[in-house]
Amino acid sequence: MDTHARLRQLLEERGWTAYRLAKESGLSESTLANIFKRNTVPSISTLEAVCAAFGISLAQFFADQDMVELTPELKELFDNWVSLTPEQKQAALQMIRAMNVK
């Protein structure tokens, strides 16, 4: 999928307009108009602002498969996960698995 198609897909999935994307990303409406109407390729910094507005990473933007949106709760979970010891990670996984047993 090309960059323009991916941008349109993300807008459609969220029900956003280009105007809302401009407001959420801090980009000017003219920048987004150039991307959409003139088919210009956005810079990396522009894509980073767009991804931040959508709550996704650049890797998720370019992923070929379904993406998992990083919600604030998931981000907090991941941020805390990286500081755990291997033993703590194993204990956390065991606890989560136990809670999912039906």
Protein backbone atom coordinates (compact mmCIF):
# COMPACT_ATOMS: atom_id res chain seq x y z
CA MET A 1 0.00 0.00 0.00
CA ASP A 2 1.35 3.41 -0.86
CA THR A 3 1.63 6.32 1.56
CA HIS A 4 -1.40 8.18 0.20
CA ALA A 5 -3.63 5.12 0.32
CA ARG A 6 -2.50 4.39 3.88
CA LEU A 7 -3.27 7.96 4.97
CA ARG A 8 -6.73 7.73 3.44
CA GLN A 9 -7.30 4.35 5.10
CA LEU A 10 -6.38 5.71 8.53
CA LEU A 11 -8.61 8.75 8.05
CA GLU A 12 -11.51 6.56 6.98
CA GLU A 13 -11.05 4.09 9.85
CA ARG A 14 -11.30 6.93 12.34
CA GLY A 15 -13.93 8.94 10.52
CA TRP A 16 -11.56 11.90 10.41
CA THR A 17 -11.33 14.66 7.85
CA ALA A 18 -8.07 16.17 6.65
CA TYR A 19 -9.01 19.22 8.74
CA ARG A 20 -9.18 17.11 11.90
CA LEU A 21 -5.86 15.46 11.05
CA ALA A 22 -4.31 18.90 10.65
CA LYS A 23 -5.58 19.95 14.08
CA GLU A 24 -4.57 16.70 15.80
CA SER A 25 -1.11 16.58 14.20
CA GLY A 26 -0.24 20.28 14.39
CA LEU A 27 0.37 20.35 10.64
CA SER A 28 -1.00 23.07 8.43
CA GLU A 29 -4.00 22.37 6.27
CA SER A 30 -1.94 23.40 3.24
CA THR A 31 0.66 20.73 4.03
CA LEU A 32 -2.02 18.06 4.07
CA ALA A 33 -3.69 19.51 0.98
CA ASN A 34 -0.39 19.21 -0.89
CA ILE A 35 -0.13 15.58 0.13
CA PHE A 36 -3.68 14.67 -0.82
CA LYS A 37 -4.39 16.89 -3.82
CA ARG A 38 -0.96 17.16 -5.42
CA ASN A 39 0.18 13.66 -4.49
CA THR A 40 3.38 14.93 -2.91
CA VAL A 41 5.29 12.49 -0.76
CA PRO A 42 5.27 13.56 2.89
CA SER A 43 8.57 14.01 4.68
CA ILE A 44 9.53 11.75 7.57
CA SER A 45 8.87 14.55 10.06
CA THR A 46 5.41 15.08 8.54
CA LEU A 47 4.70 11.35 8.76
CA GLU A 48 5.89 11.32 12.36
CA ALA A 49 3.41 14.11 13.20
CA VAL A 50 0.63 12.22 11.40
CA CYS A 51 1.48 9.00 13.21
CA ALA A 52 1.54 10.77 16.57
CA ALA A 53 -1.93 12.16 15.84
CA PHE A 54 -3.19 8.68 14.97
CA GLY A 55 -1.48 7.17 18.02
CA ILE A 56 0.65 4.78 15.97
CA SER A 57 4.34 4.35 15.22
CA LEU A 58 5.99 4.75 11.84
CA ALA A 59 6.46 0.98 11.82
CA GLN A 60 2.70 0.52 12.27
CA PHE A 61 2.04 3.02 9.52
CA PHE A 62 4.06 0.97 7.05
CA ALA A 63 3.00 -2.46 8.34
CA ASP A 64 1.41 -4.70 5.73
CA GLN A 65 -0.77 -6.49 8.24
CA ASP A 66 -3.49 -5.32 10.58
CA MET A 67 -2.11 -2.92 13.10
CA VAL A 68 -2.72 -2.84 16.81
CA GLU A 69 -3.34 0.67 17.99
CA LEU A 70 -1.22 1.65 20.95
CA THR A 71 -3.70 3.03 23.43
CA PRO A 72 -2.50 5.00 26.47
CA GLU A 73 -3.12 1.90 28.63
CA LEU A 74 -1.06 -0.35 26.33
CA LYS A 75 1.72 2.22 26.19
CA GLU A 76 1.83 2.34 29.98
CA LEU A 77 1.89 -1.45 30.10
CA PHE A 78 4.75 -1.66 27.60
CA ASP A 79 6.69 1.15 29.28
CA ASN A 80 6.50 -0.71 32.60
CA TRP A 81 7.15 -4.12 31.01
CA VAL A 82 10.63 -3.19 29.77
CA SER A 83 11.90 -2.43 33.27
CA LEU A 84 10.83 -5.79 34.71
CA THR A 85 13.28 -8.60 35.39
CA PRO A 86 12.77 -11.87 33.49
CA GLU A 87 11.30 -13.39 36.65
CA GLN A 88 8.85 -10.51 37.07
CA LYS A 89 7.81 -10.79 33.42
CA GLN A 90 7.14 -14.50 33.88
CA ALA A 91 5.08 -13.83 37.01
CA ALA A 92 3.08 -11.11 35.23
CA LEU A 93 2.37 -13.43 32.30
CA GLN A 94 1.24 -16.20 34.66
CA MET A 95 -1.11 -13.79 36.40
CA ILE A 96 -2.58 -12.56 33.11
CA ARG A 97 -3.05 -16.13 31.85
CA ALA A 98 -4.80 -17.06 35.11
CA MET A 99 -7.20 -14.12 34.72
CA ASN A 100 -8.09 -15.21 31.18
CA VAL A 101 -9.11 -18.74 32.16
CA LYS A 102 -12.85 -19.15 31.81
